Amino acid sequence: MKDHLRARGYRWSDGSDGRPKSWWIEIADEALDDELRYLRSQIYHSDEADPPVKRLTAFDRFKA
């Protein structure tokens, strides 16, 4: 599955920077439903999968 995720633009976080160990991608809010649909059908193979989503604003990204 990592090849599918990587081809879609996901990156691996090994947890060394404080984030959880996981594959992650940044997308616009408008693309969230499509991305969740992709993950549920192609990666998790379950319509009930609920992958964690973290919303990141410009304030979160650039706070000092």
PDB file of N, CA and C in Angstrom:
ATOM      1  N   MET A   1       0.807  -1.198   0.000  1.00  0.00           N
ATOM      2  CA  MET A   1       0.000   0.000   0.000  1.00  0.00           C
ATOM      3  C   MET A   1       0.855   1.269   0.000  1.00  0.00           C
ATOM      4  N   LYS A   2       2.071   1.174   0.521  1.00  0.00           N
ATOM      5  CA  LYS A   2       2.903   2.383   0.577  1.00  0.00           C
ATOM      6  C   LYS A   2       3.154   2.946  -0.812  1.00  0.00           C
ATOM      7  N   ASP A   3       3.281   2.098  -1.799  1.00  0.00           N
ATOM      8  CA  ASP A   3       3.506   2.587  -3.160  1.00  0.00           C
ATOM      9  C   ASP A   3       2.288   3.361  -3.682  1.00  0.00           C
ATOM     10  N   HIS A   4       1.101   2.881  -3.340  1.00  0.00           N
ATOM     11  CA  HIS A   4      -0.123   3.591  -3.739  1.00  0.00           C
ATOM     12  C   HIS A   4      -0.196   4.956  -3.056  1.00  0.00           C
ATOM     13  N   LEU A   5       0.112   4.977  -1.762  1.00  0.00           N
ATOM     14  CA  LEU A   5       0.065   6.235  -1.023  1.00  0.00           C
ATOM     15  C   LEU A   5       1.125   7.204  -1.537  1.00  0.00           C
ATOM     16  N   ARG A   6       2.314   6.699  -1.758  1.00  0.00           N
ATOM     17  CA  ARG A   6       3.399   7.559  -2.243  1.00  0.00           C
ATOM     18  C   ARG A   6       3.051   8.127  -3.623  1.00  0.00           C
ATOM     19  N   ALA A   7       2.472   7.312  -4.482  1.00  0.00           N
ATOM     20  CA  ALA A   7       2.093   7.778  -5.818  1.00  0.00           C
ATOM     21  C   ALA A   7       1.022   8.869  -5.747  1.00  0.00           C
ATOM     22  N   ARG A   8       0.254   8.853  -4.687  1.00  0.00           N
ATOM     23  CA  ARG A   8      -0.802   9.856  -4.523  1.00  0.00           C
ATOM     24  C   ARG A   8      -0.297  11.104  -3.806  1.00  0.00           C
ATOM     25  N   GLY A   9       0.971  11.121  -3.406  1.00  0.00           N
ATOM     26  CA  GLY A   9       1.557  12.308  -2.792  1.00  0.00           C
ATOM     27  C   GLY A   9       1.721  12.236  -1.293  1.00  0.00           C
ATOM     28  N   TYR A  10       1.421  11.094  -0.699  1.00  0.00           N
ATOM     29  CA  TYR A  10       1.587  10.944   0.742  1.00  0.00           C
ATOM     30  C   TYR A  10       3.064  10.853   1.097  1.00  0.00           C
ATOM     31  N   ARG A  11       3.380  11.300   2.303  1.00  0.00           N
ATOM     32  CA  ARG A  11       4.742  11.209   2.822  1.00  0.00           C
ATOM     33  C   ARG A  11       4.719  10.453   4.134  1.00  0.00           C
ATOM     34  N   TRP A  12       5.823   9.817   4.481  1.00  0.00           N
ATOM     35  CA  TRP A  12       5.926   9.045   5.710  1.00  0.00           C
ATOM     36  C   TRP A  12       6.525   9.904   6.808  1.00  0.00           C
ATOM     37  N   SER A  13       5.912   9.882   7.970  1.00  0.00           N
ATOM     38  CA  SER A  13       6.462  10.531   9.157  1.00  0.00           C
ATOM     39  C   SER A  13       6.885   9.424  10.105  1.00  0.00           C
ATOM     40  N   ASP A  14       8.163   9.414  10.474  1.00  0.00           N
ATOM     41  CA  ASP A  14       8.661   8.360  11.364  1.00  0.00           C
ATOM     42  C   ASP A  14       8.479   8.688  12.841  1.00  0.00           C
ATOM     43  N   GLY A  15       7.859   9.819  13.134  1.00  0.00           N
ATOM     44  CA  GLY A  15       7.578  10.193  14.504  1.00  0.00           C
ATOM     45  C   GLY A  15       8.684  10.980  15.178  1.00  0.00           C
ATOM     46  N   SER A  16       9.808  11.161  14.510  1.00  0.00           N
ATOM     47  CA  SER A  16      10.945  11.841  15.136  1.00  0.00           C
ATOM     48  C   SER A  16      10.711  13.339  15.320  1.00  0.00           C
ATOM     49  N   ASP A  17       9.743  13.912  14.603  1.00  0.00           N
ATOM     50  CA  ASP A  17       9.475  15.346  14.716  1.00  0.00           C
ATOM     51  C   ASP A  17       8.258  15.649  15.584  1.00  0.00           C
ATOM     52  N   GLY A  18       7.803  14.675  16.350  1.00  0.00           N
ATOM     53  CA  GLY A  18       6.673  14.889  17.244  1.00  0.00           C
ATOM     54  C   GLY A  18       5.325  14.500  16.668  1.00  0.00           C
ATOM     55  N   ARG A  19       5.266  14.314  15.356  1.00  0.00           N
ATOM     56  CA  ARG A  19       4.016  13.853  14.748  1.00  0.00           C
ATOM     57  C   ARG A  19       3.903  12.349  14.946  1.00  0.00           C
ATOM     58  N   PRO A  20       2.691  11.813  14.843  1.00  0.00           N
ATOM     59  CA  PRO A  20       2.556  10.349  14.950  1.00  0.00           C
ATOM     60  C   PRO A  20       3.213   9.648  13.760  1.00  0.00           C
ATOM     61  N   LYS A  21       3.644   8.409  13.970  1.00  0.00           N
ATOM     62  CA  LYS A  21       4.138   7.600  12.852  1.00  0.00           C
ATOM     63  C   LYS A  21       2.954   7.347  11.932  1.00  0.00           C
ATOM     64  N   SER A  22       3.052   7.856  10.717  1.00  0.00           N
ATOM     65  CA  SER A  22       1.925   7.709   9.801  1.00  0.00           C
ATOM     66  C   SER A  22       2.290   8.216   8.422  1.00  0.00           C
ATOM     67  N   TRP A  23       1.471   7.815   7.461  1.00  0.00           N
ATOM     68  CA  TRP A  23       1.499   8.413   6.136  1.00  0.00           C
ATOM     69  C   TRP A  23       0.613   9.633   6.206  1.00  0.00           C
ATOM     70  N   TRP A  24       1.024  10.734   5.577  1.00  0.00           N
ATOM     71  CA  TRP A  24       0.235  11.953   5.642  1.00  0.00           C
ATOM     72  C   TRP A  24       0.330  12.724   4.335  1.00  0.00           C
ATOM     73  N   ILE A  25      -0.659  13.591   4.166  1.00  0.00           N
ATOM     74  CA  ILE A  25      -0.717  14.460   2.991  1.00  0.00           C
ATOM     75  C   ILE A  25      -1.462  15.729   3.397  1.00  0.00           C
ATOM     76  N   GLU A  26      -1.115  16.828   2.781  1.00  0.00           N
ATOM     77  CA  GLU A  26      -1.850  18.081   2.983  1.00  0.00           C
ATOM     78  C   GLU A  26      -2.733  18.295   1.769  1.00  0.00           C
ATOM     79  N   ILE A  27      -4.002  18.537   2.025  1.00  0.00           N
ATOM     80  CA  ILE A  27      -4.961  18.779   0.945  1.00  0.00           C
ATOM     81  C   ILE A  27      -5.866  19.940   1.340  1.00  0.00           C
ATOM     82  N   ALA A  28      -6.504  20.517   0.360  1.00  0.00           N
ATOM     83  CA  ALA A  28      -7.475  21.589   0.611  1.00  0.00           C
ATOM     84  C   ALA A  28      -8.747  20.988   1.201  1.00  0.00           C
ATOM     85  N   ASP A  29      -9.477  21.800   1.952  1.00  0.00           N
ATOM     86  CA  ASP A  29     -10.739  21.332   2.551  1.00  0.00           C
ATOM     87  C   ASP A  29     -11.679  20.746   1.506  1.00  0.00           C
ATOM     88  N   GLU A  30     -11.685  21.357   0.318  1.00  0.00           N
ATOM     89  CA  GLU A  30     -12.597  20.896  -0.733  1.00  0.00           C
ATOM     90  C   GLU A  30     -12.279  19.480  -1.202  1.00  0.00           C
ATOM     91  N   ALA A  31     -11.048  19.033  -1.016  1.00  0.00           N
ATOM     92  CA  ALA A  31     -10.636  17.707  -1.489  1.00  0.00           C
ATOM     93  C   ALA A  31     -10.766  16.629  -0.424  1.00  0.00           C
ATOM     94  N   LEU A  32     -11.154  17.005   0.792  1.00  0.00           N
ATOM     95  CA  LEU A  32     -11.185  16.045   1.901  1.00  0.00           C
ATOM     96  C   LEU A  32     -12.129  14.879   1.654  1.00  0.00           C
ATOM     97  N   ASP A  33     -13.350  15.145   1.211  1.00  0.00           N
ATOM     98  CA  ASP A  33     -14.309  14.060   0.990  1.00  0.00           C
ATOM     99  C   ASP A  33     -13.807  13.069  -0.047  1.00  0.00           C
ATOM    100  N   ASP A  34     -13.231  13.571  -1.134  1.00  0.00           N
ATOM    101  CA  ASP A  34     -12.697  12.678  -2.167  1.00  0.00           C
ATOM    102  C   ASP A  34     -11.536  11.844  -1.628  1.00  0.00           C
ATOM    103  N   GLU A  35     -10.695  12.462  -0.823  1.00  0.00           N
ATOM    104  CA  GLU A  35      -9.533  11.739  -0.278  1.00  0.00           C
ATOM    105  C   GLU A  35      -9.980  10.661   0.697  1.00  0.00           C
ATOM    106  N   LEU A  36     -10.949  10.973   1.547  1.00  0.00           N
ATOM    107  CA  LEU A  36     -11.472   9.966   2.474  1.00  0.00           C
ATOM    108  C   LEU A  36     -12.133   8.819   1.712  1.00  0.00           C
ATOM    109  N   ARG A  37     -12.835   9.148   0.644  1.00  0.00           N
ATOM    110  CA  ARG A  37     -13.446   8.103  -0.191  1.00  0.00           C
ATOM    111  C   ARG A  37     -12.373   7.198  -0.788  1.00  0.00           C
ATOM    112  N   TYR A  38     -11.284   7.791  -1.280  1.00  0.00           N
ATOM    113  CA  TYR A  38     -10.169   7.013  -1.825  1.00  0.00           C
ATOM    114  C   TYR A  38      -9.571   6.098  -0.746  1.00  0.00           C
ATOM    115  N   LEU A  39      -9.288   6.666   0.413  1.00  0.00           N
ATOM    116  CA  LEU A  39      -8.678   5.869   1.482  1.00  0.00           C
ATOM    117  C   LEU A  39      -9.574   4.707   1.901  1.00  0.00           C
ATOM    118  N   ARG A  40     -10.857   4.982   2.039  1.00  0.00           N
ATOM    119  CA  ARG A  40     -11.785   3.922   2.460  1.00  0.00           C
ATOM    120  C   ARG A  40     -11.905   2.821   1.417  1.00  0.00           C
ATOM    121  N   SER A  41     -11.898   3.188   0.146  1.00  0.00           N
ATOM    122  CA  SER A  41     -12.098   2.169  -0.895  1.00  0.00           C
ATOM    123  C   SER A  41     -10.803   1.471  -1.312  1.00  0.00           C
ATOM    124  N   GLN A  42      -9.705   2.212  -1.408  1.00  0.00           N
ATOM    125  CA  GLN A  42      -8.482   1.639  -1.957  1.00  0.00           C
ATOM    126  C   GLN A  42      -7.453   1.196  -0.913  1.00  0.00           C
ATOM    127  N   ILE A  43      -7.468   1.805   0.253  1.00  0.00           N
ATOM    128  CA  ILE A  43      -6.452   1.501   1.258  1.00  0.00           C
ATOM    129  C   ILE A  43      -7.030   0.670   2.395  1.00  0.00           C
ATOM    130  N   TYR A  44      -8.092   1.157   3.025  1.00  0.00           N
ATOM    131  CA  TYR A  44      -8.676   0.456   4.176  1.00  0.00           C
ATOM    132  C   TYR A  44      -9.654  -0.643   3.772  1.00  0.00           C
ATOM    133  N   HIS A  45     -10.227  -0.549   2.583  1.00  0.00           N
ATOM    134  CA  HIS A  45     -11.229  -1.517   2.092  1.00  0.00           C
ATOM    135  C   HIS A  45     -12.395  -1.652   3.065  1.00  0.00           C
ATOM    136  N   SER A  46     -12.823  -0.518   3.605  1.00  0.00           N
ATOM    137  CA  SER A  46     -13.953  -0.497   4.529  1.00  0.00           C
ATOM    138  C   SER A  46     -14.615   0.880   4.465  1.00  0.00           C
ATOM    139  N   ASP A  47     -15.925   0.875   4.238  1.00  0.00           N
ATOM    140  CA  ASP A  47     -16.663   2.135   4.197  1.00  0.00           C
ATOM    141  C   ASP A  47     -16.760   2.781   5.571  1.00  0.00           C
ATOM    142  N   GLU A  48     -16.475   2.017   6.625  1.00  0.00           N
ATOM    143  CA  GLU A  48     -16.586   2.535   7.976  1.00  0.00           C
ATOM    144  C   GLU A  48     -15.260   3.003   8.556  1.00  0.00           C
ATOM    145  N   ALA A  49     -14.182   2.906   7.789  1.00  0.00           N
ATOM    146  CA  ALA A  49     -12.877   3.365   8.270  1.00  0.00           C
ATOM    147  C   ALA A  49     -12.946   4.854   8.561  1.00  0.00           C
ATOM    148  N   ASP A  50     -12.292   5.268   9.631  1.00  0.00           N
ATOM    149  CA  ASP A  50     -12.324   6.665  10.045  1.00  0.00           C
ATOM    150  C   ASP A  50     -10.895   7.139  10.306  1.00  0.00           C
ATOM    151  N   PRO A  51     -10.124   7.376   9.240  1.00  0.00           N
ATOM    152  CA  PRO A  51      -8.735   7.801   9.435  1.00  0.00           C
ATOM    153  C   PRO A  51      -8.673   9.153  10.126  1.00  0.00           C
ATOM    154  N   PRO A  52      -7.672   9.354  10.966  1.00  0.00           N
ATOM    155  CA  PRO A  52      -7.563  10.639  11.659  1.00  0.00           C
ATOM    156  C   PRO A  52      -7.279  11.784  10.690  1.00  0.00           C
ATOM    157  N   VAL A  53      -7.907  12.910  10.955  1.00  0.00           N
ATOM    158  CA  VAL A  53      -7.734  14.114  10.137  1.00  0.00           C
ATOM    159  C   VAL A  53      -7.356  15.247  11.078  1.00  0.00           C
ATOM    160  N   LYS A  54      -6.309  15.962  10.742  1.00  0.00           N
ATOM    161  CA  LYS A  54      -5.920  17.125  11.530  1.00  0.00           C
ATOM    162  C   LYS A  54      -6.010  18.344  10.634  1.00  0.00           C
ATOM    163  N   ARG A  55      -6.840  19.278  11.023  1.00  0.00           N
ATOM    164  CA  ARG A  55      -6.978  20.523  10.261  1.00  0.00           C
ATOM    165  C   ARG A  55      -5.865  21.470  10.681  1.00  0.00           C
ATOM    166  N   LEU A  56      -5.209  22.025   9.703  1.00  0.00           N
ATOM    167  CA  LEU A  56      -4.078  22.909   9.936  1.00  0.00           C
ATOM    168  C   LEU A  56      -4.366  24.247   9.274  1.00  0.00           C
ATOM    169  N   THR A  57      -4.390  25.303  10.072  1.00  0.00           N
ATOM    170  CA  THR A  57      -4.616  26.644   9.528  1.00  0.00           C
ATOM    171  C   THR A  57      -3.275  27.338   9.348  1.00  0.00           C
ATOM    172  N   ALA A  58      -3.297  28.455   8.677  1.00  0.00           N
ATOM    173  CA  ALA A  58      -2.076  29.237   8.511  1.00  0.00           C
ATOM    174  C   ALA A  58      -1.554  29.680   9.873  1.00  0.00           C
ATOM    175  N   PHE A  59      -2.464  29.971  10.794  1.00  0.00           N
ATOM    176  CA  PHE A  59      -2.024  30.363  12.139  1.00  0.00           C
ATOM    177  C   PHE A  59      -1.286  29.221  12.833  1.00  0.00           C
ATOM    178  N   ASP A  60      -1.794  27.983  12.677  1.00  0.00           N
ATOM    179  CA  ASP A  60      -1.118  26.827  13.272  1.00  0.00           C
ATOM    180  C   ASP A  60       0.242  26.607  12.637  1.00  0.00           C
ATOM    181  N   ARG A  61       0.294  26.700  11.333  1.00  0.00           N
ATOM    182  CA  ARG A  61       1.520  26.406  10.597  1.00  0.00           C
ATOM    183  C   ARG A  61       2.645  27.394  10.923  1.00  0.00           C
ATOM    184  N   PHE A  62       2.303  28.655  11.061  1.00  0.00           N
ATOM    185  CA  PHE A  62       3.344  29.671  11.181  1.00  0.00           C
ATOM    186  C   PHE A  62       3.446  30.305  12.561  1.00  0.00           C
ATOM    187  N   LYS A  63       2.801  29.710  13.568  1.00  0.00           N
ATOM    188  CA  LYS A  63       2.929  30.321  14.888  1.00  0.00           C
ATOM    189  C   LYS A  63       4.325  30.110  15.446  1.00  0.00           C
ATOM    190  N   ALA A  64       4.789  31.106  16.164  1.00  0.00           N
ATOM    191  CA  ALA A  64       6.174  31.098  16.652  1.00  0.00           C
ATOM    192  C   ALA A  64       6.348  30.298  17.911  1.00  0.00           C
TER     193      ALA A  64
END
